[in-house]
Amino acid sequence: MNKFKFLIISLVLLCFHLSCIERGGINFESFFGTLKEKVDRPDLLVFQNAPIDSAQFYFAQFYYEYREAFNEKVATDDRAMDYLNELQTQSFNFPDYLYLVYNFHGWLNGKKYSLTECKEIYERATKLQDVHYEKIEAKAQQIVQNNLTCCEIGDTLELIFPSGKSPYRPNIKEAILRPYPYSKEIFPFEDTIKLQALLQEKQLDTKDIVFRLYIIKLNEKKIMLLGVEYSLGDTMDLPIATYIRPITNSAR
């Protein structure tokens, strides 16, 4: 019974403490105004017009501007930092920066969000994000399964990789294996590695299924994939689970 009373009293005191924090909140308008001036107008309008549940996502477009404004207007204000630290301590691991992100969105739209409302937004956004990632994972697995069955030994396959400079061999392009869905995003301005290869073998008895490919066409003299150099006429071992893009089969 005493433990129950102690729990009730603790919860009451916590609620009272949080309400005191919010009633004594700091005015962040100077920070919001500075941030608004720093952010490019297109990014600002996208953020302002996005649903509040998506604010955390669109905020990433101007993260560096946020940090600059924060360092200028918030980090130098002891009262503001104490306030945010108190929010972090008392809000059950709710990220304190999101209090500013959500309220910047609210400020742009003539609204203000309490700590409780911010936490509710965060919880909704987290659930939506979990569902989104589950869909992405399911789609990625479907692409892998399709790649496993889209070709037979002896078929000619066409593959494409985004590329970057190898830190070990700066004169050789390195194939980048991006996680889905970014593996599908190759833009015209991006350097790419394109190759055609004969499928020699499907190694199914390994932990990760590997396609053994004989390179018959390559748009670079040499490339690097997973730390190994390849050129025209070489045999490449590609773990198929790492290539989460639809493989083009020239034989079909």
C-alpha atoms as a PDB file:
ATOM      1  CA  MET A   1       0.000   0.000   0.000  1.00  0.00           C
ATOM      2  CA  ASN A   2       2.841   2.382   0.848  1.00  0.00           C
ATOM      3  CA  LYS A   3       4.486   1.648  -2.496  1.00  0.00           C
ATOM      4  CA  PHE A   4       1.200   2.448  -4.262  1.00  0.00           C
ATOM      5  CA  LYS A   5       0.889   5.766  -2.398  1.00  0.00           C
ATOM      6  CA  PHE A   6       4.483   6.617  -3.239  1.00  0.00           C
ATOM      7  CA  LEU A   7       3.824   5.919  -6.933  1.00  0.00           C
ATOM      8  CA  ILE A   8       0.716   8.129  -6.957  1.00  0.00           C
ATOM      9  CA  ILE A   9       2.541  10.959  -5.191  1.00  0.00           C
ATOM     10  CA  SER A  10       5.489  10.673  -7.615  1.00  0.00           C
ATOM     11  CA  LEU A  11       3.202  10.856 -10.639  1.00  0.00           C
ATOM     12  CA  VAL A  12       1.378  13.870  -9.229  1.00  0.00           C
ATOM     13  CA  LEU A  13       4.653  15.658  -8.546  1.00  0.00           C
ATOM     14  CA  LEU A  14       5.925  14.803 -12.024  1.00  0.00           C
ATOM     15  CA  CYS A  15       2.780  16.167 -13.683  1.00  0.00           C
ATOM     16  CA  PHE A  16       3.022  19.292 -11.548  1.00  0.00           C
ATOM     17  CA  HIS A  17       6.688  19.668 -12.478  1.00  0.00           C
ATOM     18  CA  LEU A  18       5.967  19.325 -16.202  1.00  0.00           C
ATOM     19  CA  SER A  19       3.123  21.818 -16.013  1.00  0.00           C
ATOM     20  CA  CYS A  20       5.460  24.277 -14.270  1.00  0.00           C
ATOM     21  CA  ILE A  21       8.031  23.769 -17.009  1.00  0.00           C
ATOM     22  CA  GLU A  22       5.509  24.522 -19.721  1.00  0.00           C
ATOM     23  CA  ARG A  23       4.014  27.534 -17.936  1.00  0.00           C
ATOM     24  CA  GLY A  24       7.506  28.903 -17.452  1.00  0.00           C
ATOM     25  CA  GLY A  25       8.592  28.124 -21.007  1.00  0.00           C
ATOM     26  CA  ILE A  26      11.190  30.169 -22.836  1.00  0.00           C
ATOM     27  CA  ASN A  27      10.226  32.345 -25.770  1.00  0.00           C
ATOM     28  CA  PHE A  28      12.094  30.987 -28.802  1.00  0.00           C
ATOM     29  CA  GLU A  29      10.792  33.532 -31.320  1.00  0.00           C
ATOM     30  CA  SER A  30      14.234  35.063 -31.834  1.00  0.00           C
ATOM     31  CA  PHE A  31      15.587  31.624 -32.729  1.00  0.00           C
ATOM     32  CA  PHE A  32      12.652  30.916 -35.039  1.00  0.00           C
ATOM     33  CA  GLY A  33      13.076  34.255 -36.801  1.00  0.00           C
ATOM     34  CA  THR A  34      16.783  33.681 -37.331  1.00  0.00           C
ATOM     35  CA  LEU A  35      16.176  30.156 -38.611  1.00  0.00           C
ATOM     36  CA  LYS A  36      13.524  31.395 -41.035  1.00  0.00           C
ATOM     37  CA  GLU A  37      16.001  33.860 -42.527  1.00  0.00           C
ATOM     38  CA  LYS A  38      18.641  31.154 -43.000  1.00  0.00           C
ATOM     39  CA  VAL A  39      16.485  28.510 -44.685  1.00  0.00           C
ATOM     40  CA  ASP A  40      16.005  28.623 -48.459  1.00  0.00           C
ATOM     41  CA  ARG A  41      12.439  29.606 -49.240  1.00  0.00           C
ATOM     42  CA  PRO A  42      11.510  26.421 -51.195  1.00  0.00           C
ATOM     43  CA  ASP A  43      12.658  24.218 -48.292  1.00  0.00           C
ATOM     44  CA  LEU A  44      10.884  26.500 -45.831  1.00  0.00           C
ATOM     45  CA  LEU A  45       7.583  26.324 -47.734  1.00  0.00           C
ATOM     46  CA  VAL A  46       7.756  22.528 -48.030  1.00  0.00           C
ATOM     47  CA  PHE A  47       8.373  22.253 -44.287  1.00  0.00           C
ATOM     48  CA  GLN A  48       5.651  24.775 -43.413  1.00  0.00           C
ATOM     49  CA  ASN A  49       3.006  23.096 -45.570  1.00  0.00           C
ATOM     50  CA  ALA A  50       3.870  19.521 -44.590  1.00  0.00           C
ATOM     51  CA  PRO A  51       1.713  17.741 -41.982  1.00  0.00           C
ATOM     52  CA  ILE A  52       3.107  18.179 -38.494  1.00  0.00           C
ATOM     53  CA  ASP A  53       3.673  14.404 -38.286  1.00  0.00           C
ATOM     54  CA  SER A  54       6.157  14.773 -41.179  1.00  0.00           C
ATOM     55  CA  ALA A  55       7.969  17.819 -39.777  1.00  0.00           C
ATOM     56  CA  GLN A  56      10.850  15.732 -38.457  1.00  0.00           C
ATOM     57  CA  PHE A  57      11.442  14.308 -41.948  1.00  0.00           C
ATOM     58  CA  TYR A  58      11.418  17.640 -43.815  1.00  0.00           C
ATOM     59  CA  PHE A  59      13.518  19.289 -41.119  1.00  0.00           C
ATOM     60  CA  ALA A  60      16.476  17.263 -42.419  1.00  0.00           C
ATOM     61  CA  GLN A  61      16.555  19.539 -45.493  1.00  0.00           C
ATOM     62  CA  PHE A  62      17.849  22.429 -43.397  1.00  0.00           C
ATOM     63  CA  TYR A  63      19.604  20.717 -40.523  1.00  0.00           C
ATOM     64  CA  TYR A  64      22.817  22.758 -40.900  1.00  0.00           C
ATOM     65  CA  GLU A  65      20.893  26.028 -40.937  1.00  0.00           C
ATOM     66  CA  TYR A  66      19.129  24.855 -37.786  1.00  0.00           C
ATOM     67  CA  ARG A  67      22.456  24.186 -36.088  1.00  0.00           C
ATOM     68  CA  GLU A  68      23.755  27.643 -37.035  1.00  0.00           C
ATOM     69  CA  ALA A  69      20.665  29.382 -35.679  1.00  0.00           C
ATOM     70  CA  PHE A  70      20.695  27.202 -32.574  1.00  0.00           C
ATOM     71  CA  ASN A  71      24.330  28.040 -31.822  1.00  0.00           C
ATOM     72  CA  GLU A  72      23.640  31.738 -32.300  1.00  0.00           C
ATOM     73  CA  LYS A  73      20.388  32.119 -30.397  1.00  0.00           C
ATOM     74  CA  VAL A  74      19.912  29.154 -28.060  1.00  0.00           C
ATOM     75  CA  ALA A  75      23.287  27.681 -27.109  1.00  0.00           C
ATOM     76  CA  THR A  76      24.426  31.084 -25.808  1.00  0.00           C
ATOM     77  CA  ASP A  77      21.318  31.506 -23.640  1.00  0.00           C
ATOM     78  CA  ASP A  78      21.711  29.733 -20.286  1.00  0.00           C
ATOM     79  CA  ARG A  79      17.981  29.936 -19.500  1.00  0.00           C
ATOM     80  CA  ALA A  80      17.040  28.414 -22.848  1.00  0.00           C
ATOM     81  CA  MET A  81      19.563  25.594 -22.459  1.00  0.00           C
ATOM     82  CA  ASP A  82      18.418  24.883 -18.904  1.00  0.00           C
ATOM     83  CA  TYR A  83      14.854  24.742 -20.157  1.00  0.00           C
ATOM     84  CA  LEU A  84      15.697  22.264 -22.931  1.00  0.00           C
ATOM     85  CA  ASN A  85      17.803  20.146 -20.586  1.00  0.00           C
ATOM     86  CA  GLU A  86      14.883  20.015 -18.171  1.00  0.00           C
ATOM     87  CA  LEU A  87      12.565  18.937 -20.958  1.00  0.00           C
ATOM     88  CA  GLN A  88      14.987  16.170 -21.913  1.00  0.00           C
ATOM     89  CA  THR A  89      15.246  14.967 -18.327  1.00  0.00           C
ATOM     90  CA  GLN A  90      11.535  14.974 -17.607  1.00  0.00           C
ATOM     91  CA  SER A  91       9.998  13.889 -20.897  1.00  0.00           C
ATOM     92  CA  PHE A  92      10.738  10.164 -20.984  1.00  0.00           C
ATOM     93  CA  ASN A  93      13.519  10.340 -23.594  1.00  0.00           C
ATOM     94  CA  PHE A  94      11.590  12.566 -25.976  1.00  0.00           C
ATOM     95  CA  PRO A  95      14.358  14.253 -28.075  1.00  0.00           C
ATOM     96  CA  ASP A  96      14.512  17.871 -26.917  1.00  0.00           C
ATOM     97  CA  TYR A  97      15.418  19.204 -30.386  1.00  0.00           C
ATOM     98  CA  LEU A  98      12.031  18.042 -31.669  1.00  0.00           C
ATOM     99  CA  TYR A  99      10.363  20.436 -29.251  1.00  0.00           C
ATOM    100  CA  LEU A 100      12.009  23.217 -31.285  1.00  0.00           C
ATOM    101  CA  VAL A 101      11.327  21.557 -34.646  1.00  0.00           C
ATOM    102  CA  TYR A 102       7.622  21.053 -33.963  1.00  0.00           C
ATOM    103  CA  ASN A 103       7.249  24.522 -32.525  1.00  0.00           C
ATOM    104  CA  PHE A 104       9.105  26.090 -35.451  1.00  0.00           C
ATOM    105  CA  HIS A 105       6.529  24.402 -37.686  1.00  0.00           C
ATOM    106  CA  GLY A 106       3.808  25.683 -35.372  1.00  0.00           C
ATOM    107  CA  TRP A 107       5.308  29.199 -35.322  1.00  0.00           C
ATOM    108  CA  LEU A 108       5.230  29.310 -39.118  1.00  0.00           C
ATOM    109  CA  ASN A 109       1.563  28.292 -39.028  1.00  0.00           C
ATOM    110  CA  GLY A 110       0.412  30.391 -36.067  1.00  0.00           C
ATOM    111  CA  LYS A 111       0.369  27.525 -33.547  1.00  0.00           C
ATOM    112  CA  LYS A 112       2.188  26.484 -30.389  1.00  0.00           C
ATOM    113  CA  TYR A 113       2.673  22.930 -29.167  1.00  0.00           C
ATOM    114  CA  SER A 114       3.032  21.939 -25.533  1.00  0.00           C
ATOM    115  CA  LEU A 115       5.507  19.295 -24.443  1.00  0.00           C
ATOM    116  CA  THR A 116       2.660  16.790 -24.142  1.00  0.00           C
ATOM    117  CA  GLU A 117       1.474  17.542 -27.683  1.00  0.00           C
ATOM    118  CA  CYS A 118       5.040  17.267 -28.993  1.00  0.00           C
ATOM    119  CA  LYS A 119       5.379  13.846 -27.410  1.00  0.00           C
ATOM    120  CA  GLU A 120       2.093  12.730 -29.000  1.00  0.00           C
ATOM    121  CA  ILE A 121       3.272  13.958 -32.420  1.00  0.00           C
ATOM    122  CA  TYR A 122       6.570  12.110 -31.953  1.00  0.00           C
ATOM    123  CA  GLU A 123       4.801   8.880 -31.035  1.00  0.00           C
ATOM    124  CA  ARG A 124       2.519   9.100 -34.078  1.00  0.00           C
ATOM    125  CA  ALA A 125       5.460   9.870 -36.357  1.00  0.00           C
ATOM    126  CA  THR A 126       7.451   6.948 -34.935  1.00  0.00           C
ATOM    127  CA  LYS A 127       4.601   4.532 -35.612  1.00  0.00           C
ATOM    128  CA  LEU A 128       4.227   5.825 -39.175  1.00  0.00           C
ATOM    129  CA  GLN A 129       7.978   5.497 -39.686  1.00  0.00           C
ATOM    130  CA  ASP A 130       7.938   1.894 -38.448  1.00  0.00           C
ATOM    131  CA  VAL A 131       5.176   1.018 -40.917  1.00  0.00           C
ATOM    132  CA  HIS A 132       7.114   2.774 -43.692  1.00  0.00           C
ATOM    133  CA  TYR A 133      10.296   0.801 -42.988  1.00  0.00           C
ATOM    134  CA  GLU A 134       8.356  -2.461 -42.836  1.00  0.00           C
ATOM    135  CA  LYS A 135       7.010  -1.741 -46.327  1.00  0.00           C
ATOM    136  CA  ILE A 136      10.513  -0.883 -47.566  1.00  0.00           C
ATOM    137  CA  GLU A 137      11.932  -4.123 -46.178  1.00  0.00           C
ATOM    138  CA  ALA A 138       9.134  -6.159 -47.748  1.00  0.00           C
ATOM    139  CA  LYS A 139       9.721  -4.480 -51.132  1.00  0.00           C
ATOM    140  CA  ALA A 140      13.475  -5.051 -50.876  1.00  0.00           C
ATOM    141  CA  GLN A 141      12.948  -8.757 -50.181  1.00  0.00           C
ATOM    142  CA  GLN A 142      10.597  -8.984 -53.173  1.00  0.00           C
ATOM    143  CA  ILE A 143      13.236  -7.437 -55.460  1.00  0.00           C
ATOM    144  CA  VAL A 144      15.841  -9.917 -54.227  1.00  0.00           C
ATOM    145  CA  GLN A 145      13.489 -12.859 -54.820  1.00  0.00           C
ATOM    146  CA  ASN A 146      12.697 -11.617 -58.335  1.00  0.00           C
ATOM    147  CA  ASN A 147      16.415 -11.287 -59.116  1.00  0.00           C
ATOM    148  CA  LEU A 148      17.006 -14.860 -57.993  1.00  0.00           C
ATOM    149  CA  THR A 149      14.464 -16.233 -60.444  1.00  0.00           C
ATOM    150  CA  CYS A 150      14.729 -13.802 -63.387  1.00  0.00           C
ATOM    151  CA  CYS A 151      17.730 -15.480 -64.974  1.00  0.00           C
ATOM    152  CA  GLU A 152      19.366 -18.814 -65.744  1.00  0.00           C
ATOM    153  CA  ILE A 153      22.961 -19.923 -66.159  1.00  0.00           C
ATOM    154  CA  GLY A 154      24.307 -18.538 -69.463  1.00  0.00           C
ATOM    155  CA  ASP A 155      22.030 -15.486 -69.557  1.00  0.00           C
ATOM    156  CA  THR A 156      23.482 -12.039 -70.158  1.00  0.00           C
ATOM    157  CA  LEU A 157      22.677  -9.659 -67.334  1.00  0.00           C
ATOM    158  CA  GLU A 158      22.902  -5.886 -67.218  1.00  0.00           C
ATOM    159  CA  LEU A 159      23.766  -4.217 -63.920  1.00  0.00           C
ATOM    160  CA  ILE A 160      24.220  -0.615 -62.887  1.00  0.00           C
ATOM    161  CA  PHE A 161      25.822   0.825 -59.758  1.00  0.00           C
ATOM    162  CA  PRO A 162      26.157   4.329 -58.388  1.00  0.00           C
ATOM    163  CA  SER A 163      29.855   5.004 -57.931  1.00  0.00           C
ATOM    164  CA  GLY A 164      32.270   7.056 -55.916  1.00  0.00           C
ATOM    165  CA  LYS A 165      36.012   7.457 -55.536  1.00  0.00           C
ATOM    166  CA  SER A 166      37.738   4.651 -53.717  1.00  0.00           C
ATOM    167  CA  PRO A 167      39.642   5.876 -50.647  1.00  0.00           C
ATOM    168  CA  TYR A 168      42.295   3.242 -51.403  1.00  0.00           C
ATOM    169  CA  ARG A 169      42.566   3.701 -55.161  1.00  0.00           C
ATOM    170  CA  PRO A 170      41.502   7.273 -56.044  1.00  0.00           C
ATOM    171  CA  ASN A 171      41.810   6.624 -59.793  1.00  0.00           C
ATOM    172  CA  ILE A 172      39.335   3.750 -59.744  1.00  0.00           C
ATOM    173  CA  LYS A 173      35.574   4.112 -59.421  1.00  0.00           C
ATOM    174  CA  GLU A 174      34.056   2.125 -56.591  1.00  0.00           C
ATOM    175  CA  ALA A 175      30.613   0.569 -56.956  1.00  0.00           C
ATOM    176  CA  ILE A 176      28.319   1.687 -54.146  1.00  0.00           C
ATOM    177  CA  LEU A 177      25.825  -0.832 -52.807  1.00  0.00           C
ATOM    178  CA  ARG A 178      23.049   1.321 -51.425  1.00  0.00           C
ATOM    179  CA  PRO A 179      20.259   0.015 -49.233  1.00  0.00           C
ATOM    180  CA  TYR A 180      16.797  -0.026 -50.780  1.00  0.00           C
ATOM    181  CA  PRO A 181      15.074   2.283 -51.723  1.00  0.00           C
ATOM    182  CA  TYR A 182      18.165   4.432 -52.328  1.00  0.00           C
ATOM    183  CA  SER A 183      19.592   1.673 -54.501  1.00  0.00           C
ATOM    184  CA  LYS A 184      16.963   2.652 -57.090  1.00  0.00           C
ATOM    185  CA  GLU A 185      17.897   6.330 -57.091  1.00  0.00           C
ATOM    186  CA  ILE A 186      20.471   7.057 -59.780  1.00  0.00           C
ATOM    187  CA  PHE A 187      20.285  10.579 -61.149  1.00  0.00           C
ATOM    188  CA  PRO A 188      21.639  11.874 -64.484  1.00  0.00           C
ATOM    189  CA  PHE A 189      24.389  13.891 -62.776  1.00  0.00           C
ATOM    190  CA  GLU A 190      25.595  10.894 -60.814  1.00  0.00           C
ATOM    191  CA  ASP A 191      28.558   8.811 -61.972  1.00  0.00           C
ATOM    192  CA  THR A 192      27.479   5.264 -62.633  1.00  0.00           C
ATOM    193  CA  ILE A 193      29.137   1.961 -63.381  1.00  0.00           C
ATOM    194  CA  LYS A 194      27.413  -0.069 -66.077  1.00  0.00           C
ATOM    195  CA  LEU A 195      28.322  -3.593 -67.012  1.00  0.00           C
ATOM    196  CA  GLN A 196      27.099  -6.618 -68.896  1.00  0.00           C
ATOM    197  CA  ALA A 197      28.023 -10.055 -67.648  1.00  0.00           C
ATOM    198  CA  LEU A 198      27.350 -13.709 -68.354  1.00  0.00           C
ATOM    199  CA  LEU A 199      25.839 -15.559 -65.427  1.00  0.00           C
ATOM    200  CA  GLN A 200      28.192 -18.491 -64.892  1.00  0.00           C
ATOM    201  CA  GLU A 201      26.966 -19.864 -61.596  1.00  0.00           C
ATOM    202  CA  LYS A 202      24.457 -19.351 -58.797  1.00  0.00           C
ATOM    203  CA  GLN A 203      26.153 -20.271 -55.539  1.00  0.00           C
ATOM    204  CA  LEU A 204      23.183 -21.321 -53.447  1.00  0.00           C
ATOM    205  CA  ASP A 205      24.969 -23.251 -50.727  1.00  0.00           C
ATOM    206  CA  THR A 206      26.525 -20.199 -49.046  1.00  0.00           C
ATOM    207  CA  LYS A 207      25.040 -18.054 -46.305  1.00  0.00           C
ATOM    208  CA  ASP A 208      24.468 -15.283 -48.858  1.00  0.00           C
ATOM    209  CA  ILE A 209      23.514 -16.366 -52.387  1.00  0.00           C
ATOM    210  CA  VAL A 210      26.228 -15.275 -54.823  1.00  0.00           C
ATOM    211  CA  PHE A 211      25.998 -14.788 -58.592  1.00  0.00           C
ATOM    212  CA  ARG A 212      29.292 -15.543 -60.357  1.00  0.00           C
ATOM    213  CA  LEU A 213      29.448 -13.160 -63.319  1.00  0.00           C
ATOM    214  CA  TYR A 214      31.869 -13.004 -66.271  1.00  0.00           C
ATOM    215  CA  ILE A 215      32.206  -9.355 -67.316  1.00  0.00           C
ATOM    216  CA  ILE A 216      31.804  -8.904 -71.103  1.00  0.00           C
ATOM    217  CA  LYS A 217      31.154  -5.171 -71.233  1.00  0.00           C
ATOM    218  CA  LEU A 218      32.200  -2.396 -68.856  1.00  0.00           C
ATOM    219  CA  ASN A 219      32.075   1.398 -69.144  1.00  0.00           C
ATOM    220  CA  GLU A 220      35.266   1.825 -67.077  1.00  0.00           C
ATOM    221  CA  LYS A 221      38.752   0.350 -67.426  1.00  0.00           C
ATOM    222  CA  LYS A 222      38.695  -0.811 -63.832  1.00  0.00           C
ATOM    223  CA  ILE A 223      36.202  -0.754 -61.004  1.00  0.00           C
ATOM    224  CA  MET A 224      36.177  -1.777 -57.371  1.00  0.00           C
ATOM    225  CA  LEU A 225      33.386  -3.725 -55.707  1.00  0.00           C
ATOM    226  CA  LEU A 226      33.483  -4.799 -52.063  1.00  0.00           C
ATOM    227  CA  GLY A 227      37.209  -4.096 -51.941  1.00  0.00           C
ATOM    228  CA  VAL A 228      38.090  -6.163 -55.035  1.00  0.00           C
ATOM    229  CA  GLU A 229      39.265  -4.726 -58.383  1.00  0.00           C
ATOM    230  CA  TYR A 230      37.615  -5.870 -61.614  1.00  0.00           C
ATOM    231  CA  SER A 231      38.080  -5.134 -65.299  1.00  0.00           C
ATOM    232  CA  LEU A 232      36.771  -6.436 -68.618  1.00  0.00           C
ATOM    233  CA  GLY A 233      37.086 -10.232 -68.797  1.00  0.00           C
ATOM    234  CA  ASP A 234      37.218 -10.751 -65.031  1.00  0.00           C
ATOM    235  CA  THR A 235      34.903 -12.965 -63.032  1.00  0.00           C
ATOM    236  CA  MET A 236      32.944 -11.158 -60.324  1.00  0.00           C
ATOM    237  CA  ASP A 237      31.192 -12.643 -57.304  1.00  0.00           C
ATOM    238  CA  LEU A 238      28.135 -10.547 -56.435  1.00  0.00           C
ATOM    239  CA  PRO A 239      26.183 -11.290 -53.217  1.00  0.00           C
ATOM    240  CA  ILE A 240      22.722 -10.936 -54.658  1.00  0.00           C
ATOM    241  CA  ALA A 241      21.169  -9.618 -51.447  1.00  0.00           C
ATOM    242  CA  THR A 242      23.386  -6.522 -51.743  1.00  0.00           C
ATOM    243  CA  TYR A 243      22.141  -5.613 -55.230  1.00  0.00           C
ATOM    244  CA  ILE A 244      18.623  -4.479 -54.441  1.00  0.00           C
ATOM    245  CA  ARG A 245      17.759  -3.242 -57.920  1.00  0.00           C
ATOM    246  CA  PRO A 246      15.816  -5.165 -60.561  1.00  0.00           C
ATOM    247  CA  ILE A 247      18.339  -7.024 -62.729  1.00  0.00           C
ATOM    248  CA  THR A 248      17.849  -6.641 -66.480  1.00  0.00           C
ATOM    249  CA  ASN A 249      18.125  -9.946 -68.325  1.00  0.00           C
ATOM    250  CA  SER A 250      19.182  -9.347 -71.952  1.00  0.00           C
ATOM    251  CA  ALA A 251      18.063 -12.859 -72.894  1.00  0.00           C
ATOM    252  CA  ARG A 252      14.410 -11.972 -72.215  1.00  0.00           C
END
